[in-house]
Amino acid sequence: MVGIAVLGAGYAGRVQLKGWQTIPNAQIVGLWNRTPERARAVGEEFGVPAFEDVDALIRRPDLEAVDIATAVETHLDLAQRAAAAGKHVLCQKPLAPSMEDARAMVEACRAAGMRLMVNENWRWRPWYRAIRRLLDTGALGELFFMRLALRTDAAVVTPERPAEQLFAGQPFQRTMDPLILFELGPHHLDVTRYLFGDPKRVYARTRKVSPHIAGEDTALALLEYPGRTATVELSWHSVGHTSDRAKRLHPDTLVIEGTEGHLSLDESGRPQVRYRDGRQETLDVDTADGYQRSWTDALRHFVDCLESGEEFETSGEQNLDSLALVFAAYQSAESGQPVHV
């Protein structure tokens, strides 16, 4: 049984508390939040003890790992405290506000002999796991193009949703700058790396459409590889689309093309494949509750790897490459030029 402390009682912390409580080889030791009242309220809701002193929680002998689900600017400090106390670290994305801080987190855990995983749960969505398995068979032949896109109306003011209600679940996003590439982009760039590999160069464009938020709400990144190309398109200002998960399954749209076949994923969450010989198939994917399951499966991967000694799919070292893509995209958007990764 792995003892876990959850640091953060906001949106991500609540989703992860729900996930942790379904994993049989994990036990929540305690919950901490910068606002003690919130920690107590959420702790009572989930039936876990709340702590006001984060160091007292981290130092507990029945604790093996911390799950950092706090604001990004706190990640480095909390990871360093945990590593110094001999605890493994799971950290919410984005890993850090700068590459310097991200490398410092990786080094702090490495130097202390502790393991670090970044919670890139997006790649654990069941449709992406099924697509990865298909790609591993070589059924699509030589891959040459991928398009990954997400469009919602999260930053669109409507008569039913005034400006002060934008990003109601995570209101800090209204004042974030940079925004969509930094907050959402790590997911999509990680999925791109998971399915398509590491690009050599990135060209990006960003734009702030909504006047009611601080950061950019649309972005396009063109990722160049030897012999293949990928695009990542992100928009939180798409009128007619919805960000309400009660009204959509909320996957992305995806196209992957190879010399032997074409794969597409739409809001059904079930990948459709067409082959050069005329065959068509729908991959068998259980999409039920795919959003929560992706979080839970990432947490389960963390605990299972701690117990088995296997490498994390999204280790701190591995995630540095995804975060580097984020900052390279911003550099390209600012300069108007492609940036080598």
C-alpha atoms as a PDB file:
ATOM      1  CA  MET A   1       0.000   0.000   0.000  1.00  0.00           C
ATOM      2  CA  VAL A   2       1.452   3.342  -1.092  1.00  0.00           C
ATOM      3  CA  GLY A   3       0.707   6.305   1.179  1.00  0.00           C
ATOM      4  CA  ILE A   4      -0.199   9.436  -0.796  1.00  0.00           C
ATOM      5  CA  ALA A   5      -0.517  13.090   0.247  1.00  0.00           C
ATOM      6  CA  VAL A   6      -2.551  15.307  -2.048  1.00  0.00           C
ATOM      7  CA  LEU A   7      -1.292  18.887  -2.111  1.00  0.00           C
ATOM      8  CA  GLY A   8      -3.990  21.167  -3.483  1.00  0.00           C
ATOM      9  CA  ALA A   9      -7.759  21.166  -3.037  1.00  0.00           C
ATOM     10  CA  GLY A  10      -8.739  22.953  -6.235  1.00  0.00           C
ATOM     11  CA  TYR A  11     -10.150  21.522  -9.438  1.00  0.00           C
ATOM     12  CA  ALA A  12      -7.310  19.078 -10.170  1.00  0.00           C
ATOM     13  CA  GLY A  13      -6.991  18.057  -6.534  1.00  0.00           C
ATOM     14  CA  ARG A  14     -10.660  17.140  -6.346  1.00  0.00           C
ATOM     15  CA  VAL A  15     -10.524  15.072  -9.539  1.00  0.00           C
ATOM     16  CA  GLN A  16      -7.444  13.272  -8.269  1.00  0.00           C
ATOM     17  CA  LEU A  17      -8.927  12.629  -4.837  1.00  0.00           C
ATOM     18  CA  LYS A  18     -11.806  10.906  -6.578  1.00  0.00           C
ATOM     19  CA  GLY A  19      -9.365   8.828  -8.585  1.00  0.00           C
ATOM     20  CA  TRP A  20      -7.122   7.922  -5.661  1.00  0.00           C
ATOM     21  CA  GLN A  21     -10.057   6.542  -3.707  1.00  0.00           C
ATOM     22  CA  THR A  22     -10.628   3.869  -6.384  1.00  0.00           C
ATOM     23  CA  ILE A  23      -7.035   2.557  -6.467  1.00  0.00           C
ATOM     24  CA  PRO A  24      -6.680  -0.433  -4.103  1.00  0.00           C
ATOM     25  CA  ASN A  25      -2.899  -0.204  -3.624  1.00  0.00           C
ATOM     26  CA  ALA A  26      -2.960   3.493  -2.657  1.00  0.00           C
ATOM     27  CA  GLN A  27      -4.051   5.172   0.574  1.00  0.00           C
ATOM     28  CA  ILE A  28      -4.592   8.923   0.987  1.00  0.00           C
ATOM     29  CA  VAL A  29      -2.694   9.948   4.115  1.00  0.00           C
ATOM     30  CA  GLY A  30      -3.738  13.591   4.062  1.00  0.00           C
ATOM     31  CA  LEU A  31      -4.722  16.698   2.139  1.00  0.00           C
ATOM     32  CA  TRP A  32      -3.148  20.155   2.238  1.00  0.00           C
ATOM     33  CA  ASN A  33      -4.112  23.440   0.619  1.00  0.00           C
ATOM     34  CA  ARG A  34      -2.725  26.956   0.928  1.00  0.00           C
ATOM     35  CA  THR A  35      -6.155  27.957   2.211  1.00  0.00           C
ATOM     36  CA  PRO A  36      -6.747  25.740   5.274  1.00  0.00           C
ATOM     37  CA  GLU A  37     -10.508  26.290   5.222  1.00  0.00           C
ATOM     38  CA  ARG A  38     -10.725  24.845   1.733  1.00  0.00           C
ATOM     39  CA  ALA A  39      -8.597  21.858   2.707  1.00  0.00           C
ATOM     40  CA  ARG A  40     -10.903  21.141   5.637  1.00  0.00           C
ATOM     41  CA  ALA A  41     -14.053  21.454   3.522  1.00  0.00           C
ATOM     42  CA  VAL A  42     -12.757  19.227   0.716  1.00  0.00           C
ATOM     43  CA  GLY A  43     -11.253  16.812   3.233  1.00  0.00           C
ATOM     44  CA  GLU A  44     -14.616  16.410   4.926  1.00  0.00           C
ATOM     45  CA  GLU A  45     -16.276  15.857   1.559  1.00  0.00           C
ATOM     46  CA  PHE A  46     -13.869  13.048   0.637  1.00  0.00           C
ATOM     47  CA  GLY A  47     -13.327  11.699   4.135  1.00  0.00           C
ATOM     48  CA  VAL A  48      -9.583  12.418   4.304  1.00  0.00           C
ATOM     49  CA  PRO A  49      -7.675  14.320   7.030  1.00  0.00           C
ATOM     50  CA  ALA A  50      -6.699  17.921   6.272  1.00  0.00           C
ATOM     51  CA  PHE A  51      -3.364  19.403   7.378  1.00  0.00           C
ATOM     52  CA  GLU A  52      -2.452  23.049   7.877  1.00  0.00           C
ATOM     53  CA  ASP A  53       1.318  22.414   8.007  1.00  0.00           C
ATOM     54  CA  VAL A  54       2.516  21.027   4.683  1.00  0.00           C
ATOM     55  CA  ASP A  55       5.878  19.963   6.101  1.00  0.00           C
ATOM     56  CA  ALA A  56       4.231  18.019   8.909  1.00  0.00           C
ATOM     57  CA  LEU A  57       2.222  16.135   6.279  1.00  0.00           C
ATOM     58  CA  ILE A  58       5.203  15.552   3.994  1.00  0.00           C
ATOM     59  CA  ARG A  59       7.346  14.217   6.845  1.00  0.00           C
ATOM     60  CA  ARG A  60       4.835  11.580   7.953  1.00  0.00           C
ATOM     61  CA  PRO A  61       6.448   8.113   8.091  1.00  0.00           C
ATOM     62  CA  ASP A  62       3.389   6.466   6.500  1.00  0.00           C
ATOM     63  CA  LEU A  63       3.757   8.685   3.438  1.00  0.00           C
ATOM     64  CA  GLU A  64       5.673   7.504   0.362  1.00  0.00           C
ATOM     65  CA  ALA A  65       4.701  10.057  -2.271  1.00  0.00           C
ATOM     66  CA  VAL A  66       3.118  13.465  -2.761  1.00  0.00           C
ATOM     67  CA  ASP A  67       0.652  14.401  -5.468  1.00  0.00           C
ATOM     68  CA  ILE A  68       1.220  18.087  -6.285  1.00  0.00           C
ATOM     69  CA  ALA A  69      -1.961  19.651  -7.676  1.00  0.00           C
ATOM     70  CA  THR A  70      -1.289  23.273  -6.726  1.00  0.00           C
ATOM     71  CA  ALA A  71      -0.626  26.433  -8.748  1.00  0.00           C
ATOM     72  CA  VAL A  72       2.311  26.046 -11.129  1.00  0.00           C
ATOM     73  CA  GLU A  73       4.467  28.644  -9.363  1.00  0.00           C
ATOM     74  CA  THR A  74       4.477  26.459  -6.210  1.00  0.00           C
ATOM     75  CA  HIS A  75       5.597  23.233  -7.885  1.00  0.00           C
ATOM     76  CA  LEU A  76       9.352  23.684  -7.497  1.00  0.00           C
ATOM     77  CA  ASP A  77       9.227  24.512  -3.783  1.00  0.00           C
ATOM     78  CA  LEU A  78       6.881  21.654  -2.927  1.00  0.00           C
ATOM     79  CA  ALA A  79       8.815  19.140  -5.018  1.00  0.00           C
ATOM     80  CA  GLN A  80      12.078  20.156  -3.370  1.00  0.00           C
ATOM     81  CA  ARG A  81      10.526  19.790   0.098  1.00  0.00           C
ATOM     82  CA  ALA A  82       9.123  16.371  -0.769  1.00  0.00           C
ATOM     83  CA  ALA A  83      12.371  15.094  -2.286  1.00  0.00           C
ATOM     84  CA  ALA A  84      14.371  16.343   0.710  1.00  0.00           C
ATOM     85  CA  ALA A  85      11.973  14.424   2.973  1.00  0.00           C
ATOM     86  CA  GLY A  86      12.514  11.231   0.982  1.00  0.00           C
ATOM     87  CA  LYS A  87       9.183  11.203  -0.865  1.00  0.00           C
ATOM     88  CA  HIS A  88       8.445  10.453  -4.498  1.00  0.00           C
ATOM     89  CA  VAL A  89       6.638  13.138  -6.499  1.00  0.00           C
ATOM     90  CA  LEU A  90       3.693  13.175  -8.882  1.00  0.00           C
ATOM     91  CA  CYS A  91       3.182  16.691 -10.247  1.00  0.00           C
ATOM     92  CA  GLN A  92       0.352  18.233 -12.206  1.00  0.00           C
ATOM     93  CA  LYS A  93       1.212  19.768 -15.573  1.00  0.00           C
ATOM     94  CA  PRO A  94       2.582  22.207 -16.588  1.00  0.00           C
ATOM     95  CA  LEU A  95       5.600  21.088 -14.634  1.00  0.00           C
ATOM     96  CA  ALA A  96       6.980  24.585 -14.006  1.00  0.00           C
ATOM     97  CA  PRO A  97       6.717  28.195 -15.237  1.00  0.00           C
ATOM     98  CA  SER A  98      10.205  28.011 -16.800  1.00  0.00           C
ATOM     99  CA  MET A  99      12.634  25.434 -18.109  1.00  0.00           C
ATOM    100  CA  GLU A 100      15.049  26.448 -15.343  1.00  0.00           C
ATOM    101  CA  ASP A 101      12.514  25.589 -12.638  1.00  0.00           C
ATOM    102  CA  ALA A 102      11.552  22.370 -14.414  1.00  0.00           C
ATOM    103  CA  ARG A 103      15.161  21.212 -14.617  1.00  0.00           C
ATOM    104  CA  ALA A 104      15.642  22.142 -10.961  1.00  0.00           C
ATOM    105  CA  MET A 105      12.676  19.922 -10.011  1.00  0.00           C
ATOM    106  CA  VAL A 106      14.074  17.012 -11.983  1.00  0.00           C
ATOM    107  CA  GLU A 107      17.513  17.498 -10.435  1.00  0.00           C
ATOM    108  CA  ALA A 108      16.160  17.810  -6.869  1.00  0.00           C
ATOM    109  CA  CYS A 109      14.363  14.480  -7.167  1.00  0.00           C
ATOM    110  CA  ARG A 110      17.290  12.799  -8.911  1.00  0.00           C
ATOM    111  CA  ALA A 111      19.815  14.015  -6.331  1.00  0.00           C
ATOM    112  CA  ALA A 112      17.615  12.761  -3.478  1.00  0.00           C
ATOM    113  CA  GLY A 113      17.061   9.379  -5.126  1.00  0.00           C
ATOM    114  CA  MET A 114      13.346  10.070  -5.466  1.00  0.00           C
ATOM    115  CA  ARG A 115      11.221   9.502  -8.562  1.00  0.00           C
ATOM    116  CA  LEU A 116       9.277  12.234 -10.382  1.00  0.00           C
ATOM    117  CA  MET A 117       6.317  11.745 -12.719  1.00  0.00           C
ATOM    118  CA  VAL A 118       4.295  14.467 -14.438  1.00  0.00           C
ATOM    119  CA  ASN A 119       0.541  13.894 -14.485  1.00  0.00           C
ATOM    120  CA  GLU A 120      -0.016  14.083 -18.242  1.00  0.00           C
ATOM    121  CA  ASN A 121      -3.302  12.227 -17.947  1.00  0.00           C
ATOM    122  CA  TRP A 122      -4.455  13.188 -21.465  1.00  0.00           C
ATOM    123  CA  ARG A 123      -2.458  10.335 -23.031  1.00  0.00           C
ATOM    124  CA  TRP A 124      -4.346   7.871 -20.802  1.00  0.00           C
ATOM    125  CA  ARG A 125      -7.645   8.674 -22.459  1.00  0.00           C
ATOM    126  CA  PRO A 126      -8.839   5.284 -23.725  1.00  0.00           C
ATOM    127  CA  TRP A 127      -9.002   6.291 -27.404  1.00  0.00           C
ATOM    128  CA  TYR A 128      -5.339   7.359 -27.413  1.00  0.00           C
ATOM    129  CA  ARG A 129      -4.257   4.086 -25.785  1.00  0.00           C
ATOM    130  CA  ALA A 130      -6.157   2.169 -28.486  1.00  0.00           C
ATOM    131  CA  ILE A 131      -4.658   4.308 -31.249  1.00  0.00           C
ATOM    132  CA  ARG A 132      -1.139   3.772 -29.895  1.00  0.00           C
ATOM    133  CA  ARG A 133      -1.705   0.000 -29.941  1.00  0.00           C
ATOM    134  CA  LEU A 134      -2.850   0.185 -33.568  1.00  0.00           C
ATOM    135  CA  LEU A 135       0.123   2.301 -34.608  1.00  0.00           C
ATOM    136  CA  ASP A 136       2.469  -0.189 -32.937  1.00  0.00           C
ATOM    137  CA  THR A 137       1.214  -2.890 -35.349  1.00  0.00           C
ATOM    138  CA  GLY A 138       2.288  -0.837 -38.373  1.00  0.00           C
ATOM    139  CA  ALA A 139      -1.207  -1.170 -39.861  1.00  0.00           C
ATOM    140  CA  LEU A 140      -1.188   2.414 -41.193  1.00  0.00           C
ATOM    141  CA  GLY A 141       2.157   1.967 -42.900  1.00  0.00           C
ATOM    142  CA  GLU A 142       4.653   4.810 -42.900  1.00  0.00           C
ATOM    143  CA  LEU A 143       3.104   7.742 -41.047  1.00  0.00           C
ATOM    144  CA  PHE A 144       3.419  11.167 -42.652  1.00  0.00           C
ATOM    145  CA  PHE A 145       0.724  13.495 -41.256  1.00  0.00           C
ATOM    146  CA  MET A 146      -1.138  14.136 -37.999  1.00  0.00           C
ATOM    147  CA  ARG A 147      -3.627  16.827 -37.010  1.00  0.00           C
ATOM    148  CA  LEU A 148      -4.753  17.190 -33.385  1.00  0.00           C
ATOM    149  CA  ALA A 149      -7.287  19.888 -32.528  1.00  0.00           C
ATOM    150  CA  LEU A 150      -9.511  21.036 -29.693  1.00  0.00           C
ATOM    151  CA  ARG A 151     -12.149  23.716 -30.028  1.00  0.00           C
ATOM    152  CA  THR A 152     -14.495  24.916 -27.286  1.00  0.00           C
ATOM    153  CA  ASP A 153     -16.257  28.150 -26.331  1.00  0.00           C
ATOM    154  CA  ALA A 154     -14.576  28.399 -22.906  1.00  0.00           C
ATOM    155  CA  ALA A 155     -13.543  32.040 -23.499  1.00  0.00           C
ATOM    156  CA  VAL A 156     -16.736  33.128 -25.308  1.00  0.00           C
ATOM    157  CA  VAL A 157     -19.089  35.480 -23.451  1.00  0.00           C
ATOM    158  CA  THR A 158     -22.748  34.648 -24.100  1.00  0.00           C
ATOM    159  CA  PRO A 159     -26.062  35.940 -22.692  1.00  0.00           C
ATOM    160  CA  GLU A 160     -26.084  32.910 -20.387  1.00  0.00           C
ATOM    161  CA  ARG A 161     -22.436  33.265 -19.367  1.00  0.00           C
ATOM    162  CA  PRO A 162     -21.102  36.735 -18.480  1.00  0.00           C
ATOM    163  CA  ALA A 163     -17.399  37.541 -18.452  1.00  0.00           C
ATOM    164  CA  GLU A 164     -17.050  36.876 -14.733  1.00  0.00           C
ATOM    165  CA  GLN A 165     -18.274  33.301 -15.308  1.00  0.00           C
ATOM    166  CA  LEU A 166     -15.608  32.371 -17.867  1.00  0.00           C
ATOM    167  CA  PHE A 167     -13.547  29.367 -16.740  1.00  0.00           C
ATOM    168  CA  ALA A 168     -15.849  29.030 -13.735  1.00  0.00           C
ATOM    169  CA  GLY A 169     -14.244  25.755 -12.678  1.00  0.00           C
ATOM    170  CA  GLN A 170     -10.723  27.203 -12.809  1.00  0.00           C
ATOM    171  CA  PRO A 171     -11.157  30.986 -12.537  1.00  0.00           C
ATOM    172  CA  PHE A 172      -7.393  31.610 -12.276  1.00  0.00           C
ATOM    173  CA  GLN A 173      -7.276  31.000 -16.022  1.00  0.00           C
ATOM    174  CA  ARG A 174      -8.957  34.356 -16.646  1.00  0.00           C
ATOM    175  CA  THR A 175      -5.799  36.137 -15.473  1.00  0.00           C
ATOM    176  CA  MET A 176      -3.185  33.709 -16.820  1.00  0.00           C
ATOM    177  CA  ASP A 177      -0.769  35.064 -19.414  1.00  0.00           C
ATOM    178  CA  PRO A 178       0.500  33.006 -21.213  1.00  0.00           C
ATOM    179  CA  LEU A 179      -2.641  30.907 -21.351  1.00  0.00           C
ATOM    180  CA  ILE A 180      -3.810  28.259 -23.801  1.00  0.00           C
ATOM    181  CA  LEU A 181      -0.439  26.953 -24.987  1.00  0.00           C
ATOM    182  CA  PHE A 182       0.855  26.882 -21.419  1.00  0.00           C
ATOM    183  CA  GLU A 183      -2.242  25.520 -19.675  1.00  0.00           C
ATOM    184  CA  LEU A 184      -3.708  23.225 -22.364  1.00  0.00           C
ATOM    185  CA  GLY A 185      -0.829  22.877 -24.813  1.00  0.00           C
ATOM    186  CA  PRO A 186       1.255  20.485 -22.678  1.00  0.00           C
ATOM    187  CA  HIS A 187      -1.503  17.871 -23.006  1.00  0.00           C
ATOM    188  CA  HIS A 188      -1.660  18.072 -26.781  1.00  0.00           C
ATOM    189  CA  LEU A 189       2.063  18.291 -27.322  1.00  0.00           C
ATOM    190  CA  ASP A 190       2.534  15.271 -25.045  1.00  0.00           C
ATOM    191  CA  VAL A 191      -0.118  13.319 -26.983  1.00  0.00           C
ATOM    192  CA  THR A 192       1.604  14.304 -30.229  1.00  0.00           C
ATOM    193  CA  ARG A 193       4.908  12.983 -28.913  1.00  0.00           C
ATOM    194  CA  TYR A 194       3.162   9.835 -27.611  1.00  0.00           C
ATOM    195  CA  LEU A 195       1.591   9.030 -30.978  1.00  0.00           C
ATOM    196  CA  PHE A 196       3.984  10.613 -33.486  1.00  0.00           C
ATOM    197  CA  GLY A 197       7.389  11.006 -31.849  1.00  0.00           C
ATOM    198  CA  ASP A 198       9.642  13.995 -31.178  1.00  0.00           C
ATOM    199  CA  PRO A 199       9.664  16.851 -33.708  1.00  0.00           C
ATOM    200  CA  LYS A 200      12.801  18.695 -34.743  1.00  0.00           C
ATOM    201  CA  ARG A 201      11.306  22.135 -35.329  1.00  0.00           C
ATOM    202  CA  VAL A 202       8.178  24.089 -34.382  1.00  0.00           C
ATOM    203  CA  TYR A 203       6.440  27.072 -35.954  1.00  0.00           C
ATOM    204  CA  ALA A 204       3.582  28.614 -33.980  1.00  0.00           C
ATOM    205  CA  ARG A 205       1.008  31.397 -34.046  1.00  0.00           C
ATOM    206  CA  THR A 206      -1.073  32.621 -31.106  1.00  0.00           C
ATOM    207  CA  ARG A 207      -3.825  35.214 -30.702  1.00  0.00           C
ATOM    208  CA  LYS A 208      -5.914  36.659 -27.888  1.00  0.00           C
ATOM    209  CA  VAL A 209      -9.459  36.993 -29.238  1.00  0.00           C
ATOM    210  CA  SER A 210     -11.460  37.505 -26.053  1.00  0.00           C
ATOM    211  CA  PRO A 211     -11.099  40.945 -24.397  1.00  0.00           C
ATOM    212  CA  HIS A 212     -12.185  39.432 -21.072  1.00  0.00           C
ATOM    213  CA  ILE A 213      -9.077  37.333 -20.355  1.00  0.00           C
ATOM    214  CA  ALA A 214      -5.397  38.164 -20.000  1.00  0.00           C
ATOM    215  CA  GLY A 215      -3.745  35.515 -22.163  1.00  0.00           C
ATOM    216  CA  GLU A 216      -4.075  34.049 -25.632  1.00  0.00           C
ATOM    217  CA  ASP A 217      -7.090  31.834 -26.302  1.00  0.00           C
ATOM    218  CA  THR A 218      -6.148  30.432 -29.734  1.00  0.00           C
ATOM    219  CA  ALA A 219      -2.942  28.807 -30.933  1.00  0.00           C
ATOM    220  CA  LEU A 220      -1.579  26.827 -33.855  1.00  0.00           C
ATOM    221  CA  ALA A 221       1.669  24.860 -33.807  1.00  0.00           C
ATOM    222  CA  LEU A 222       3.229  23.232 -36.879  1.00  0.00           C
ATOM    223  CA  LEU A 223       5.620  20.481 -35.849  1.00  0.00           C
ATOM    224  CA  GLU A 224       8.237  19.353 -38.355  1.00  0.00           C
ATOM    225  CA  TYR A 225       9.830  15.890 -38.413  1.00  0.00           C
ATOM    226  CA  PRO A 226      12.062  14.123 -40.882  1.00  0.00           C
ATOM    227  CA  GLY A 227       9.525  12.808 -43.369  1.00  0.00           C
ATOM    228  CA  ARG A 228       6.372  13.764 -41.475  1.00  0.00           C
ATOM    229  CA  THR A 229       4.380  16.757 -40.217  1.00  0.00           C
ATOM    230  CA  ALA A 230       1.979  17.347 -37.314  1.00  0.00           C
ATOM    231  CA  THR A 231      -0.276  20.255 -36.449  1.00  0.00           C
ATOM    232  CA  VAL A 232      -1.767  21.112 -33.055  1.00  0.00           C
ATOM    233  CA  GLU A 233      -4.718  23.521 -33.123  1.00  0.00           C
ATOM    234  CA  LEU A 234      -6.195  24.911 -29.908  1.00  0.00           C
ATOM    235  CA  SER A 235      -9.089  27.293 -29.436  1.00  0.00           C
ATOM    236  CA  TRP A 236     -11.122  28.390 -26.447  1.00  0.00           C
ATOM    237  CA  HIS A 237     -12.947  30.965 -28.584  1.00  0.00           C
ATOM    238  CA  SER A 238     -14.930  28.790 -30.995  1.00  0.00           C
ATOM    239  CA  VAL A 239     -18.544  29.952 -31.196  1.00  0.00           C
ATOM    240  CA  GLY A 240     -20.956  27.068 -31.603  1.00  0.00           C
ATOM    241  CA  HIS A 241     -18.728  24.584 -29.796  1.00  0.00           C
ATOM    242  CA  THR A 242     -19.168  23.740 -26.134  1.00  0.00           C
ATOM    243  CA  SER A 243     -16.868  23.387 -23.160  1.00  0.00           C
ATOM    244  CA  ASP A 244     -19.627  21.767 -21.093  1.00  0.00           C
ATOM    245  CA  ARG A 245     -18.560  18.167 -20.484  1.00  0.00           C
ATOM    246  CA  ALA A 246     -22.146  17.254 -19.675  1.00  0.00           C
ATOM    247  CA  LYS A 247     -22.989  17.960 -23.327  1.00  0.00           C
ATOM    248  CA  ARG A 248     -20.065  16.233 -25.046  1.00  0.00           C
ATOM    249  CA  LEU A 249     -17.633  13.414 -24.497  1.00  0.00           C
ATOM    250  CA  HIS A 250     -14.935  16.083 -24.856  1.00  0.00           C
ATOM    251  CA  PRO A 251     -12.222  14.340 -26.791  1.00  0.00           C
ATOM    252  CA  ASP A 252     -10.195  16.139 -29.425  1.00  0.00           C
ATOM    253  CA  THR A 253     -10.506  15.735 -33.154  1.00  0.00           C
ATOM    254  CA  LEU A 254      -7.620  13.780 -34.634  1.00  0.00           C
ATOM    255  CA  VAL A 255      -6.419  12.669 -38.041  1.00  0.00           C
ATOM    256  CA  ILE A 256      -3.416  10.418 -38.664  1.00  0.00           C
ATOM    257  CA  GLU A 257      -2.421   9.487 -42.201  1.00  0.00           C
ATOM    258  CA  GLY A 258      -0.053   6.776 -43.326  1.00  0.00           C
ATOM    259  CA  THR A 259       0.842   5.087 -46.579  1.00  0.00           C
ATOM    260  CA  GLU A 260      -1.542   2.201 -45.822  1.00  0.00           C
ATOM    261  CA  GLY A 261      -4.408   3.862 -44.003  1.00  0.00           C
ATOM    262  CA  HIS A 262      -6.221   6.898 -42.577  1.00  0.00           C
ATOM    263  CA  LEU A 263      -7.384   7.195 -38.952  1.00  0.00           C
ATOM    264  CA  SER A 264      -9.839   9.763 -37.661  1.00  0.00           C
ATOM    265  CA  LEU A 265     -11.243  10.484 -34.217  1.00  0.00           C
ATOM    266  CA  ASP A 266     -14.254  12.701 -33.666  1.00  0.00           C
ATOM    267  CA  GLU A 267     -16.476  13.474 -30.695  1.00  0.00           C
ATOM    268  CA  SER A 268     -17.723   9.887 -30.605  1.00  0.00           C
ATOM    269  CA  GLY A 269     -14.394   8.919 -29.028  1.00  0.00           C
ATOM    270  CA  ARG A 270     -14.187   5.838 -31.276  1.00  0.00           C
ATOM    271  CA  PRO A 271     -11.368   5.878 -33.839  1.00  0.00           C
ATOM    272  CA  GLN A 272     -12.382   5.133 -37.424  1.00  0.00           C
ATOM    273  CA  VAL A 273      -9.835   3.525 -39.743  1.00  0.00           C
ATOM    274  CA  ARG A 274      -9.876   3.232 -43.538  1.00  0.00           C
ATOM    275  CA  TYR A 275      -7.267   1.097 -45.275  1.00  0.00           C
ATOM    276  CA  ARG A 276      -5.780   1.296 -48.766  1.00  0.00           C
ATOM    277  CA  ASP A 277      -7.298  -2.065 -49.698  1.00  0.00           C
ATOM    278  CA  GLY A 278     -10.805  -0.737 -49.002  1.00  0.00           C
ATOM    279  CA  ARG A 279     -11.307  -2.223 -45.532  1.00  0.00           C
ATOM    280  CA  GLN A 280     -12.832  -0.078 -42.796  1.00  0.00           C
ATOM    281  CA  GLU A 281     -12.973  -0.642 -39.054  1.00  0.00           C
ATOM    282  CA  THR A 282     -13.955   1.064 -35.843  1.00  0.00           C
ATOM    283  CA  LEU A 283     -11.539   0.446 -32.988  1.00  0.00           C
ATOM    284  CA  ASP A 284     -13.212  -1.158 -29.987  1.00  0.00           C
ATOM    285  CA  VAL A 285     -12.874   1.495 -27.280  1.00  0.00           C
ATOM    286  CA  ASP A 286     -14.822   1.740 -24.049  1.00  0.00           C
ATOM    287  CA  THR A 287     -15.386   5.501 -23.889  1.00  0.00           C
ATOM    288  CA  ALA A 288     -17.550   5.496 -20.765  1.00  0.00           C
ATOM    289  CA  ASP A 289     -16.360   8.161 -18.312  1.00  0.00           C
ATOM    290  CA  GLY A 290     -13.177   8.581 -20.334  1.00  0.00           C
ATOM    291  CA  TYR A 291     -12.348  11.911 -18.723  1.00  0.00           C
ATOM    292  CA  GLN A 292     -12.199  10.685 -15.112  1.00  0.00           C
ATOM    293  CA  ARG A 293     -10.707   7.348 -16.163  1.00  0.00           C
ATOM    294  CA  SER A 294      -7.741   9.075 -17.773  1.00  0.00           C
ATOM    295  CA  TRP A 295      -6.882  10.764 -14.468  1.00  0.00           C
ATOM    296  CA  THR A 296      -7.369   7.557 -12.510  1.00  0.00           C
ATOM    297  CA  ASP A 297      -5.309   5.478 -14.940  1.00  0.00           C
ATOM    298  CA  ALA A 298      -2.437   7.977 -14.737  1.00  0.00           C
ATOM    299  CA  LEU A 299      -2.517   7.761 -10.931  1.00  0.00           C
ATOM    300  CA  ARG A 300      -2.606   3.976 -11.115  1.00  0.00           C
ATOM    301  CA  HIS A 301       0.412   4.013 -13.442  1.00  0.00           C
ATOM    302  CA  PHE A 302       2.304   6.127 -10.899  1.00  0.00           C
ATOM    303  CA  VAL A 303       1.634   3.732  -8.014  1.00  0.00           C
ATOM    304  CA  ASP A 304       2.195   0.579 -10.061  1.00  0.00           C
ATOM    305  CA  CYS A 305       5.571   1.859 -11.268  1.00  0.00           C
ATOM    306  CA  LEU A 306       6.590   2.779  -7.727  1.00  0.00           C
ATOM    307  CA  GLU A 307       5.846  -0.788  -6.653  1.00  0.00           C
ATOM    308  CA  SER A 308       7.366  -2.512  -9.698  1.00  0.00           C
ATOM    309  CA  GLY A 309      10.343  -0.241 -10.313  1.00  0.00           C
ATOM    310  CA  GLU A 310       9.359   0.254 -13.967  1.00  0.00           C
ATOM    311  CA  GLU A 311       9.953   3.590 -15.661  1.00  0.00           C
ATOM    312  CA  PHE A 312       7.194   6.199 -15.713  1.00  0.00           C
ATOM    313  CA  GLU A 313       5.816   6.942 -19.171  1.00  0.00           C
ATOM    314  CA  THR A 314       5.837  10.634 -18.281  1.00  0.00           C
ATOM    315  CA  SER A 315       8.850  10.930 -16.024  1.00  0.00           C
ATOM    316  CA  GLY A 316      10.193  14.342 -15.160  1.00  0.00           C
ATOM    317  CA  GLU A 317      13.093  13.842 -17.572  1.00  0.00           C
ATOM    318  CA  GLN A 318      10.757  12.763 -20.363  1.00  0.00           C
ATOM    319  CA  ASN A 319       8.388  15.654 -19.736  1.00  0.00           C
ATOM    320  CA  LEU A 320      11.158  18.206 -20.113  1.00  0.00           C
ATOM    321  CA  ASP A 321      10.920  17.593 -23.866  1.00  0.00           C
ATOM    322  CA  SER A 322       7.175  18.325 -23.884  1.00  0.00           C
ATOM    323  CA  LEU A 323       7.659  21.512 -21.857  1.00  0.00           C
ATOM    324  CA  ALA A 324      10.495  22.573 -24.150  1.00  0.00           C
ATOM    325  CA  LEU A 325       8.044  22.345 -27.048  1.00  0.00           C
ATOM    326  CA  VAL A 326       5.660  24.696 -25.215  1.00  0.00           C
ATOM    327  CA  PHE A 327       8.328  27.350 -24.726  1.00  0.00           C
ATOM    328  CA  ALA A 328       9.677  26.860 -28.257  1.00  0.00           C
ATOM    329  CA  ALA A 329       6.160  27.467 -29.582  1.00  0.00           C
ATOM    330  CA  TYR A 330       5.926  30.746 -27.664  1.00  0.00           C
ATOM    331  CA  GLN A 331       9.366  31.750 -28.915  1.00  0.00           C
ATOM    332  CA  SER A 332       8.273  31.046 -32.480  1.00  0.00           C
ATOM    333  CA  ALA A 333       4.995  32.939 -32.064  1.00  0.00           C
ATOM    334  CA  GLU A 334       6.887  35.968 -30.764  1.00  0.00           C
ATOM    335  CA  SER A 335       9.602  35.924 -33.417  1.00  0.00           C
ATOM    336  CA  GLY A 336       7.507  34.775 -36.361  1.00  0.00           C
ATOM    337  CA  GLN A 337      10.209  32.225 -37.166  1.00  0.00           C
ATOM    338  CA  PRO A 338      10.492  28.435 -36.795  1.00  0.00           C
ATOM    339  CA  VAL A 339      12.428  27.297 -33.733  1.00  0.00           C
ATOM    340  CA  HIS A 340      14.635  24.217 -33.590  1.00  0.00           C
ATOM    341  CA  VAL A 341      13.846  22.027 -30.593  1.00  0.00           C
END
